[in-house]
Amino acid sequence: PNEIKVLGIEREYQECMNKTKHTFDKIRKKYPEQGQYVVNFAY
């Protein structure tokens, strides 16, 4: 959302999304269904 950028938290927001992707990519190899739990609403 644009307000995330204006509030000045875009870098932290990206860090959160990147952390999620890193975790999901690791989990999905063995547990593709369970991996869904970690994915953020923003994806």
All heavy atoms as atom14 arrays in JSON, in Angstrom:
{
  "sequence": "PNEIKVLGIEREYQECMNKTKHTFDKIRKKYPEQGQYVVNFAY",
  "atom14_mask": [
    [1, 1, 1, 1, 1, 1, 1, 0, 0, 0, 0, 0, 0, 0],
    [1, 1, 1, 1, 1, 1, 1, 1, 0, 0, 0, 0, 0, 0],
    [1, 1, 1, 1, 1, 1, 1, 1, 1, 0, 0, 0, 0, 0],
    [1, 1, 1, 1, 1, 1, 1, 1, 0, 0, 0, 0, 0, 0],
    [1, 1, 1, 1, 1, 1, 1, 1, 1, 0, 0, 0, 0, 0],
    [1, 1, 1, 1, 1, 1, 1, 0, 0, 0, 0, 0, 0, 0],
    [1, 1, 1, 1, 1, 1, 1, 1, 0, 0, 0, 0, 0, 0],
    [1, 1, 1, 1, 0, 0, 0, 0, 0, 0, 0, 0, 0, 0],
    [1, 1, 1, 1, 1, 1, 1, 1, 0, 0, 0, 0, 0, 0],
    [1, 1, 1, 1, 1, 1, 1, 1, 1, 0, 0, 0, 0, 0],
    [1, 1, 1, 1, 1, 1, 1, 1, 1, 1, 1, 0, 0, 0],
    [1, 1, 1, 1, 1, 1, 1, 1, 1, 0, 0, 0, 0, 0],
    [1, 1, 1, 1, 1, 1, 1, 1, 1, 1, 1, 1, 0, 0],
    [1, 1, 1, 1, 1, 1, 1, 1, 1, 0, 0, 0, 0, 0],
    [1, 1, 1, 1, 1, 1, 1, 1, 1, 0, 0, 0, 0, 0],
    [1, 1, 1, 1, 1, 1, 0, 0, 0, 0, 0, 0, 0, 0],
    [1, 1, 1, 1, 1, 1, 1, 1, 0, 0, 0, 0, 0, 0],
    [1, 1, 1, 1, 1, 1, 1, 1, 0, 0, 0, 0, 0, 0],
    [1, 1, 1, 1, 1, 1, 1, 1, 1, 0, 0, 0, 0, 0],
    [1, 1, 1, 1, 1, 1, 1, 0, 0, 0, 0, 0, 0, 0],
    [1, 1, 1, 1, 1, 1, 1, 1, 1, 0, 0, 0, 0, 0],
    [1, 1, 1, 1, 1, 1, 1, 1, 1, 1, 0, 0, 0, 0],
    [1, 1, 1, 1, 1, 1, 1, 0, 0, 0, 0, 0, 0, 0],
    [1, 1, 1, 1, 1, 1, 1, 1, 1, 1, 1, 0, 0, 0],
    [1, 1, 1, 1, 1, 1, 1, 1, 0, 0, 0, 0, 0, 0],
    [1, 1, 1, 1, 1, 1, 1, 1, 1, 0, 0, 0, 0, 0],
    [1, 1, 1, 1, 1, 1, 1, 1, 0, 0, 0, 0, 0, 0],
    [1, 1, 1, 1, 1, 1, 1, 1, 1, 1, 1, 0, 0, 0],
    [1, 1, 1, 1, 1, 1, 1, 1, 1, 0, 0, 0, 0, 0],
    [1, 1, 1, 1, 1, 1, 1, 1, 1, 0, 0, 0, 0, 0],
    [1, 1, 1, 1, 1, 1, 1, 1, 1, 1, 1, 1, 0, 0],
    [1, 1, 1, 1, 1, 1, 1, 0, 0, 0, 0, 0, 0, 0],
    [1, 1, 1, 1, 1, 1, 1, 1, 1, 0, 0, 0, 0, 0],
    [1, 1, 1, 1, 1, 1, 1, 1, 1, 0, 0, 0, 0, 0],
    [1, 1, 1, 1, 0, 0, 0, 0, 0, 0, 0, 0, 0, 0],
    [1, 1, 1, 1, 1, 1, 1, 1, 1, 0, 0, 0, 0, 0],
    [1, 1, 1, 1, 1, 1, 1, 1, 1, 1, 1, 1, 0, 0],
    [1, 1, 1, 1, 1, 1, 1, 0, 0, 0, 0, 0, 0, 0],
    [1, 1, 1, 1, 1, 1, 1, 0, 0, 0, 0, 0, 0, 0],
    [1, 1, 1, 1, 1, 1, 1, 1, 0, 0, 0, 0, 0, 0],
    [1, 1, 1, 1, 1, 1, 1, 1, 1, 1, 1, 0, 0, 0],
    [1, 1, 1, 1, 1, 0, 0, 0, 0, 0, 0, 0, 0, 0],
    [1, 1, 1, 1, 1, 1, 1, 1, 1, 1, 1, 1, 0, 0]
  ],
  "atom14_positions": [
    [[0.83, -1.21, 0.0], [0.0, 0.0, 0.0], [0.87, 1.26, 0.0], [1.95, 1.28, 0.62], [-0.8, -0.12, 1.3], [-0.79, -1.57, 1.63], [0.55, -2.08, 1.15], [0.0, 0.0, 0.0], [0.0, 0.0, 0.0], [0.0, 0.0, 0.0], [0.0, 0.0, 0.0], [0.0, 0.0, 0.0], [0.0, 0.0, 0.0], [0.0, 0.0, 0.0]],
    [[0.41, 2.28, -0.66], [1.18, 3.52, -0.76], [1.44, 4.12, 0.61], [2.49, 4.73, 0.85], [0.43, 4.53, -1.63], [1.27, 5.75, -1.96], [2.37, 5.63, -2.5], [0.78, 6.92, -1.6], [0.0, 0.0, 0.0], [0.0, 0.0, 0.0], [0.0, 0.0, 0.0], [0.0, 0.0, 0.0], [0.0, 0.0, 0.0], [0.0, 0.0, 0.0]],
    [[0.49, 3.95, 1.54], [0.65, 4.52, 2.89], [1.83, 3.9, 3.63], [2.43, 4.55, 4.5], [-0.63, 4.3, 3.71], [-1.82, 5.12, 3.26], [-2.61, 4.46, 2.14], [-2.15, 3.41, 1.63], [-3.67, 4.99, 1.77], [0.0, 0.0, 0.0], [0.0, 0.0, 0.0], [0.0, 0.0, 0.0], [0.0, 0.0, 0.0], [0.0, 0.0, 0.0]],
    [[2.18, 2.67, 3.3], [3.36, 2.02, 3.9], [4.61, 2.79, 3.51], [5.52, 3.02, 4.33], [3.47, 0.56, 3.42], [2.3, -0.28, 3.95], [4.81, -0.06, 3.81], [2.33, -0.57, 5.43], [0.0, 0.0, 0.0], [0.0, 0.0, 0.0], [0.0, 0.0, 0.0], [0.0, 0.0, 0.0], [0.0, 0.0, 0.0], [0.0, 0.0, 0.0]],
    [[4.67, 3.22, 2.26], [5.82, 3.98, 1.77], [5.85, 5.37, 2.42], [6.9, 5.82, 2.88], [5.73, 4.13, 0.25], [5.72, 2.8, -0.5], [5.46, 3.0, -1.99], [5.33, 1.66, -2.71], [5.0, 1.84, -4.14], [0.0, 0.0, 0.0], [0.0, 0.0, 0.0], [0.0, 0.0, 0.0], [0.0, 0.0, 0.0], [0.0, 0.0, 0.0]],
    [[4.7, 6.04, 2.47], [4.64, 7.39, 3.02], [4.99, 7.4, 4.51], [5.65, 8.31, 5.0], [3.24, 8.01, 2.79], [3.15, 9.39, 3.44], [2.94, 8.11, 1.3], [0.0, 0.0, 0.0], [0.0, 0.0, 0.0], [0.0, 0.0, 0.0], [0.0, 0.0, 0.0], [0.0, 0.0, 0.0], [0.0, 0.0, 0.0], [0.0, 0.0, 0.0]],
    [[4.56, 6.36, 5.21], [4.85, 6.28, 6.65], [6.32, 6.01, 6.91], [6.8, 6.17, 8.03], [3.98, 5.19, 7.29], [3.9, 5.15, 8.81], [3.32, 6.45, 9.37], [3.07, 3.97, 9.28], [0.0, 0.0, 0.0], [0.0, 0.0, 0.0], [0.0, 0.0, 0.0], [0.0, 0.0, 0.0], [0.0, 0.0, 0.0], [0.0, 0.0, 0.0]],
    [[7.05, 5.61, 5.87], [8.49, 5.4, 6.01], [8.87, 4.02, 6.52], [9.96, 3.85, 7.08], [0.0, 0.0, 0.0], [0.0, 0.0, 0.0], [0.0, 0.0, 0.0], [0.0, 0.0, 0.0], [0.0, 0.0, 0.0], [0.0, 0.0, 0.0], [0.0, 0.0, 0.0], [0.0, 0.0, 0.0], [0.0, 0.0, 0.0], [0.0, 0.0, 0.0]],
    [[8.0, 3.04, 6.31], [8.29, 1.69, 6.81], [8.39, 0.68, 5.65], [8.25, -0.52, 5.86], [7.25, 1.22, 7.84], [5.83, 1.24, 7.24], [7.32, 2.06, 9.1], [4.78, 0.6, 8.14], [0.0, 0.0, 0.0], [0.0, 0.0, 0.0], [0.0, 0.0, 0.0], [0.0, 0.0, 0.0], [0.0, 0.0, 0.0], [0.0, 0.0, 0.0]],
    [[8.63, 1.19, 4.45], [8.69, 0.29, 3.3], [9.84, -0.71, 3.42], [9.68, -1.89, 3.06], [8.84, 1.09, 2.0], [8.78, 0.22, 0.75], [8.89, 1.01, -0.54], [9.23, 2.21, -0.48], [8.66, 0.41, -1.6], [0.0, 0.0, 0.0], [0.0, 0.0, 0.0], [0.0, 0.0, 0.0], [0.0, 0.0, 0.0], [0.0, 0.0, 0.0]],
    [[10.97, -0.28, 3.93], [12.12, -1.19, 4.05], [11.8, -2.33, 5.01], [12.08, -3.5, 4.72], [13.35, -0.42, 4.53], [14.62, -1.29, 4.57], [15.82, -0.47, 5.02], [15.64, 0.05, 6.37], [15.84, -0.67, 7.49], [16.21, -1.95, 7.4], [15.67, -0.14, 8.66], [0.0, 0.0, 0.0], [0.0, 0.0, 0.0], [0.0, 0.0, 0.0]],
    [[11.19, -2.01, 6.15], [10.82, -3.05, 7.12], [9.74, -3.97, 6.55], [9.74, -5.17, 6.78], [10.31, -2.41, 8.42], [11.38, -1.65, 9.2], [11.41, -0.17, 8.84], [11.08, 0.16, 7.67], [11.76, 0.64, 9.72], [0.0, 0.0, 0.0], [0.0, 0.0, 0.0], [0.0, 0.0, 0.0], [0.0, 0.0, 0.0], [0.0, 0.0, 0.0]],
    [[8.83, -3.38, 5.78], [7.76, -4.14, 5.15], [8.34, -5.16, 4.16], [7.97, -6.34, 4.16], [6.83, -3.16, 4.43], [5.55, -3.75, 3.86], [4.4, -3.86, 4.64], [5.48, -4.17, 2.53], [3.22, -4.37, 4.12], [4.31, -4.69, 1.99], [3.18, -4.77, 2.8], [2.01, -5.28, 2.27], [0.0, 0.0, 0.0], [0.0, 0.0, 0.0]],
    [[9.3, -4.69, 3.36], [9.97, -5.59, 2.41], [10.74, -6.68, 3.14], [10.75, -7.85, 2.72], [10.93, -4.78, 1.53], [10.24, -3.89, 0.53], [11.21, -3.03, -0.25], [12.38, -2.9, 0.12], [10.73, -2.41, -1.32], [0.0, 0.0, 0.0], [0.0, 0.0, 0.0], [0.0, 0.0, 0.0], [0.0, 0.0, 0.0], [0.0, 0.0, 0.0]],
    [[11.37, -6.31, 4.26], [12.11, -7.29, 5.05], [11.17, -8.38, 5.55], [11.51, -9.58, 5.53], [12.78, -6.6, 6.25], [13.63, -7.55, 7.09], [14.23, -6.87, 8.31], [14.04, -5.64, 8.48], [14.89, -7.57, 9.11], [0.0, 0.0, 0.0], [0.0, 0.0, 0.0], [0.0, 0.0, 0.0], [0.0, 0.0, 0.0], [0.0, 0.0, 0.0]],
    [[9.98, -7.98, 5.98], [8.98, -8.93, 6.46], [8.57, -9.89, 5.34], [8.54, -11.11, 5.52], [7.76, -8.18, 7.0], [6.42, -9.24, 7.57], [0.0, 0.0, 0.0], [0.0, 0.0, 0.0], [0.0, 0.0, 0.0], [0.0, 0.0, 0.0], [0.0, 0.0, 0.0], [0.0, 0.0, 0.0], [0.0, 0.0, 0.0], [0.0, 0.0, 0.0]],
    [[8.28, -9.33, 4.16], [7.85, -10.15, 3.03], [8.97, -11.09, 2.55], [8.74, -12.25, 2.22], [7.38, -9.27, 1.87], [6.16, -8.42, 2.19], [4.73, -9.42, 2.67], [3.96, -8.33, 3.89], [0.0, 0.0, 0.0], [0.0, 0.0, 0.0], [0.0, 0.0, 0.0], [0.0, 0.0, 0.0], [0.0, 0.0, 0.0], [0.0, 0.0, 0.0]],
    [[10.2, -10.56, 2.54], [11.34, -11.39, 2.12], [11.6, -12.53, 3.1], [11.96, -13.65, 2.71], [12.59, -10.52, 1.97], [12.5, -9.55, 0.81], [11.71, -9.77, -0.11], [13.26, -8.48, 0.85], [0.0, 0.0, 0.0], [0.0, 0.0, 0.0], [0.0, 0.0, 0.0], [0.0, 0.0, 0.0], [0.0, 0.0, 0.0], [0.0, 0.0, 0.0]],
    [[11.43, -12.22, 4.38], [11.62, -13.24, 5.41], [10.58, -14.35, 5.24], [10.89, -15.54, 5.34], [11.5, -12.61, 6.79], [11.89, -13.52, 7.94], [11.87, -12.77, 9.26], [12.4, -13.61, 10.39], [13.82, -13.97, 10.26], [0.0, 0.0, 0.0], [0.0, 0.0, 0.0], [0.0, 0.0, 0.0], [0.0, 0.0, 0.0], [0.0, 0.0, 0.0]],
    [[9.36, -13.94, 4.96], [8.29, -14.91, 4.72], [8.62, -15.8, 3.52], [8.49, -17.03, 3.58], [6.95, -14.2, 4.47], [6.51, -13.57, 5.67], [5.88, -15.17, 4.0], [0.0, 0.0, 0.0], [0.0, 0.0, 0.0], [0.0, 0.0, 0.0], [0.0, 0.0, 0.0], [0.0, 0.0, 0.0], [0.0, 0.0, 0.0], [0.0, 0.0, 0.0]],
    [[9.07, -15.18, 2.43], [9.37, -15.96, 1.22], [10.49, -16.95, 1.49], [10.43, -18.11, 1.04], [9.76, -15.02, 0.07], [10.07, -15.78, -1.22], [10.13, -14.89, -2.43], [10.45, -15.68, -3.69], [9.51, -16.79, -3.95], [0.0, 0.0, 0.0], [0.0, 0.0, 0.0], [0.0, 0.0, 0.0], [0.0, 0.0, 0.0], [0.0, 0.0, 0.0]],
    [[11.53, -16.51, 2.21], [12.65, -17.39, 2.55], [12.15, -18.61, 3.33], [12.52, -19.76, 3.03], [13.68, -16.61, 3.36], [14.77, -17.46, 3.94], [15.79, -17.99, 3.18], [14.98, -17.9, 5.22], [16.59, -18.7, 3.96], [16.12, -18.67, 5.19], [0.0, 0.0, 0.0], [0.0, 0.0, 0.0], [0.0, 0.0, 0.0], [0.0, 0.0, 0.0]],
    [[11.3, -18.36, 4.32], [10.77, -19.44, 5.16], [9.86, -20.35, 4.36], [9.95, -21.59, 4.44], [10.01, -18.85, 6.37], [10.9, -18.03, 7.13], [9.44, -19.95, 7.26], [0.0, 0.0, 0.0], [0.0, 0.0, 0.0], [0.0, 0.0, 0.0], [0.0, 0.0, 0.0], [0.0, 0.0, 0.0], [0.0, 0.0, 0.0], [0.0, 0.0, 0.0]],
    [[8.97, -19.74, 3.58], [8.04, -20.54, 2.78], [8.78, -21.44, 1.8], [8.43, -22.63, 1.64], [7.08, -19.61, 2.02], [6.19, -20.35, 1.06], [5.07, -21.04, 1.51], [6.47, -20.38, -0.3], [4.26, -21.74, 0.64], [5.67, -21.08, -1.19], [4.55, -21.75, -0.72], [0.0, 0.0, 0.0], [0.0, 0.0, 0.0], [0.0, 0.0, 0.0]],
    [[9.77, -20.91, 1.11], [10.51, -21.7, 0.12], [11.19, -22.91, 0.75], [11.35, -23.95, 0.11], [11.53, -20.83, -0.6], [10.89, -19.88, -1.61], [9.74, -20.15, -2.01], [11.53, -18.88, -2.0], [0.0, 0.0, 0.0], [0.0, 0.0, 0.0], [0.0, 0.0, 0.0], [0.0, 0.0, 0.0], [0.0, 0.0, 0.0], [0.0, 0.0, 0.0]],
    [[11.6, -22.77, 2.0], [12.22, -23.9, 2.69], [11.18, -24.95, 3.1], [11.38, -26.14, 2.91], [12.98, -23.41, 3.93], [14.29, -22.71, 3.61], [15.15, -22.61, 4.85], [16.59, -22.19, 4.45], [17.49, -22.27, 5.61], [0.0, 0.0, 0.0], [0.0, 0.0, 0.0], [0.0, 0.0, 0.0], [0.0, 0.0, 0.0], [0.0, 0.0, 0.0]],
    [[10.06, -24.47, 3.64], [9.03, -25.38, 4.13], [8.34, -26.13, 2.99], [8.07, -27.32, 3.08], [7.98, -24.62, 4.97], [8.61, -24.08, 6.27], [6.79, -25.5, 5.3], [7.69, -23.21, 7.09], [0.0, 0.0, 0.0], [0.0, 0.0, 0.0], [0.0, 0.0, 0.0], [0.0, 0.0, 0.0], [0.0, 0.0, 0.0], [0.0, 0.0, 0.0]],
    [[8.07, -25.43, 1.89], [7.24, -25.98, 0.82], [7.82, -27.26, 0.19], [7.09, -28.09, -0.34], [6.99, -24.94, -0.27], [8.18, -24.74, -1.2], [8.0, -23.62, -2.2], [6.81, -23.72, -3.01], [6.53, -22.87, -3.99], [7.37, -21.87, -4.27], [5.45, -23.01, -4.7], [0.0, 0.0, 0.0], [0.0, 0.0, 0.0], [0.0, 0.0, 0.0]],
    [[9.14, -27.39, 0.23], [9.77, -28.56, -0.39], [9.29, -29.86, 0.25], [9.12, -30.87, -0.42], [11.3, -28.44, -0.27], [11.88, -27.32, -1.12], [13.37, -27.18, -0.88], [13.94, -26.0, -1.66], [15.39, -25.8, -1.39], [0.0, 0.0, 0.0], [0.0, 0.0, 0.0], [0.0, 0.0, 0.0], [0.0, 0.0, 0.0], [0.0, 0.0, 0.0]],
    [[9.04, -29.8, 1.56], [8.58, -31.01, 2.25], [7.1, -30.92, 2.62], [6.39, -31.93, 2.62], [9.41, -31.24, 3.52], [9.09, -32.57, 4.17], [10.08, -32.93, 5.25], [9.79, -34.32, 5.81], [10.74, -34.71, 6.87], [0.0, 0.0, 0.0], [0.0, 0.0, 0.0], [0.0, 0.0, 0.0], [0.0, 0.0, 0.0], [0.0, 0.0, 0.0]],
    [[6.64, -29.7, 2.93], [5.26, -29.52, 3.39], [4.57, -28.41, 2.59], [4.37, -27.3, 3.08], [5.23, -29.16, 4.88], [5.9, -30.15, 5.8], [7.08, -29.82, 6.47], [5.34, -31.41, 6.01], [7.69, -30.72, 7.33], [5.94, -32.32, 6.87], [7.11, -31.97, 7.52], [7.71, -32.87, 8.37], [0.0, 0.0, 0.0], [0.0, 0.0, 0.0]],
    [[4.2, -28.69, 1.33], [3.58, -27.64, 0.5], [2.25, -27.12, 1.05], [1.97, -25.92, 0.95], [3.39, -28.33, -0.86], [3.43, -29.8, -0.56], [4.36, -29.96, 0.6], [0.0, 0.0, 0.0], [0.0, 0.0, 0.0], [0.0, 0.0, 0.0], [0.0, 0.0, 0.0], [0.0, 0.0, 0.0], [0.0, 0.0, 0.0], [0.0, 0.0, 0.0]],
    [[1.45, -28.01, 1.64], [0.16, -27.57, 2.19], [0.37, -26.74, 3.46], [-0.21, -25.68, 3.63], [-0.72, -28.79, 2.5], [-1.11, -29.62, 1.3], [-2.49, -29.29, 0.77], [-3.22, -28.52, 1.41], [-2.82, -29.81, -0.32], [0.0, 0.0, 0.0], [0.0, 0.0, 0.0], [0.0, 0.0, 0.0], [0.0, 0.0, 0.0], [0.0, 0.0, 0.0]],
    [[1.23, -27.22, 4.35], [1.48, -26.52, 5.61], [2.22, -25.2, 5.39], [2.11, -24.28, 6.2], [2.28, -27.42, 6.56], [1.51, -28.61, 7.1], [1.5, -29.79, 6.15], [1.93, -29.68, 5.0], [0.99, -30.93, 6.61], [0.0, 0.0, 0.0], [0.0, 0.0, 0.0], [0.0, 0.0, 0.0], [0.0, 0.0, 0.0], [0.0, 0.0, 0.0]],
    [[2.99, -25.12, 4.31], [3.72, -23.88, 4.03], [2.82, -22.68, 3.88], [3.24, -21.54, 4.11], [0.0, 0.0, 0.0], [0.0, 0.0, 0.0], [0.0, 0.0, 0.0], [0.0, 0.0, 0.0], [0.0, 0.0, 0.0], [0.0, 0.0, 0.0], [0.0, 0.0, 0.0], [0.0, 0.0, 0.0], [0.0, 0.0, 0.0], [0.0, 0.0, 0.0]],
    [[1.56, -22.9, 3.53], [0.62, -21.79, 3.34], [0.46, -20.94, 4.61], [0.23, -19.73, 4.52], [-0.76, -22.33, 2.96], [-0.83, -23.05, 1.63], [-2.22, -23.59, 1.39], [-3.02, -22.98, 0.69], [-2.52, -24.74, 1.98], [0.0, 0.0, 0.0], [0.0, 0.0, 0.0], [0.0, 0.0, 0.0], [0.0, 0.0, 0.0], [0.0, 0.0, 0.0]],
    [[0.59, -21.58, 5.76], [0.32, -20.88, 7.02], [1.2, -19.65, 7.22], [0.79, -18.68, 7.85], [0.53, -21.83, 8.2], [-0.55, -22.87, 8.38], [-0.24, -24.23, 8.3], [-1.85, -22.51, 8.65], [-1.22, -25.21, 8.49], [-2.85, -23.46, 8.84], [-2.52, -24.81, 8.75], [-3.49, -25.76, 8.94], [0.0, 0.0, 0.0], [0.0, 0.0, 0.0]],
    [[2.41, -19.67, 6.7], [3.35, -18.58, 6.97], [3.17, -17.4, 6.02], [3.67, -16.3, 6.27], [4.81, -19.11, 6.9], [5.28, -19.24, 5.45], [5.76, -18.23, 7.7], [0.0, 0.0, 0.0], [0.0, 0.0, 0.0], [0.0, 0.0, 0.0], [0.0, 0.0, 0.0], [0.0, 0.0, 0.0], [0.0, 0.0, 0.0], [0.0, 0.0, 0.0]],
    [[2.42, -17.59, 4.93], [2.32, -16.57, 3.89], [1.44, -15.4, 4.33], [0.33, -15.6, 4.83], [1.76, -17.17, 2.58], [1.68, -16.11, 1.49], [2.64, -18.34, 2.12], [0.0, 0.0, 0.0], [0.0, 0.0, 0.0], [0.0, 0.0, 0.0], [0.0, 0.0, 0.0], [0.0, 0.0, 0.0], [0.0, 0.0, 0.0], [0.0, 0.0, 0.0]],
    [[1.91, -14.18, 4.12], [1.18, -12.98, 4.53], [0.0, -12.67, 3.61], [0.0, -13.01, 2.43], [2.11, -11.76, 4.53], [3.36, -11.99, 5.34], [4.36, -12.42, 4.81], [3.3, -11.72, 6.64], [0.0, 0.0, 0.0], [0.0, 0.0, 0.0], [0.0, 0.0, 0.0], [0.0, 0.0, 0.0], [0.0, 0.0, 0.0], [0.0, 0.0, 0.0]],
    [[-0.99, -11.98, 4.15], [-2.16, -11.56, 3.37], [-1.76, -10.71, 2.16], [-2.51, -10.63, 1.18], [-3.11, -10.74, 4.24], [-3.91, -11.53, 5.24], [-3.62, -12.86, 5.52], [-4.95, -10.93, 5.92], [-4.36, -13.57, 6.44], [-5.7, -11.63, 6.85], [-5.41, -12.96, 7.12], [0.0, 0.0, 0.0], [0.0, 0.0, 0.0], [0.0, 0.0, 0.0]],
    [[-0.63, -10.03, 2.22], [-0.22, -9.13, 1.14], [0.22, -9.86, -0.11], [0.26, -9.28, -1.2], [0.91, -8.22, 1.61], [0.0, 0.0, 0.0], [0.0, 0.0, 0.0], [0.0, 0.0, 0.0], [0.0, 0.0, 0.0], [0.0, 0.0, 0.0], [0.0, 0.0, 0.0], [0.0, 0.0, 0.0], [0.0, 0.0, 0.0], [0.0, 0.0, 0.0]],
    [[0.56, -11.15, 0.02], [1.04, -11.89, -1.15], [-0.1, -12.14, -2.13], [-1.24, -12.43, -1.75], [1.68, -13.21, -0.72], [3.16, -13.05, -0.47], [3.66, -12.86, 0.81], [4.06, -13.02, -1.54], [5.02, -12.68, 1.04], [5.42, -12.84, -1.32], [5.89, -12.67, -0.05], [7.24, -12.47, 0.17], [0.0, 0.0, 0.0], [0.0, 0.0, 0.0]]
  ]
}
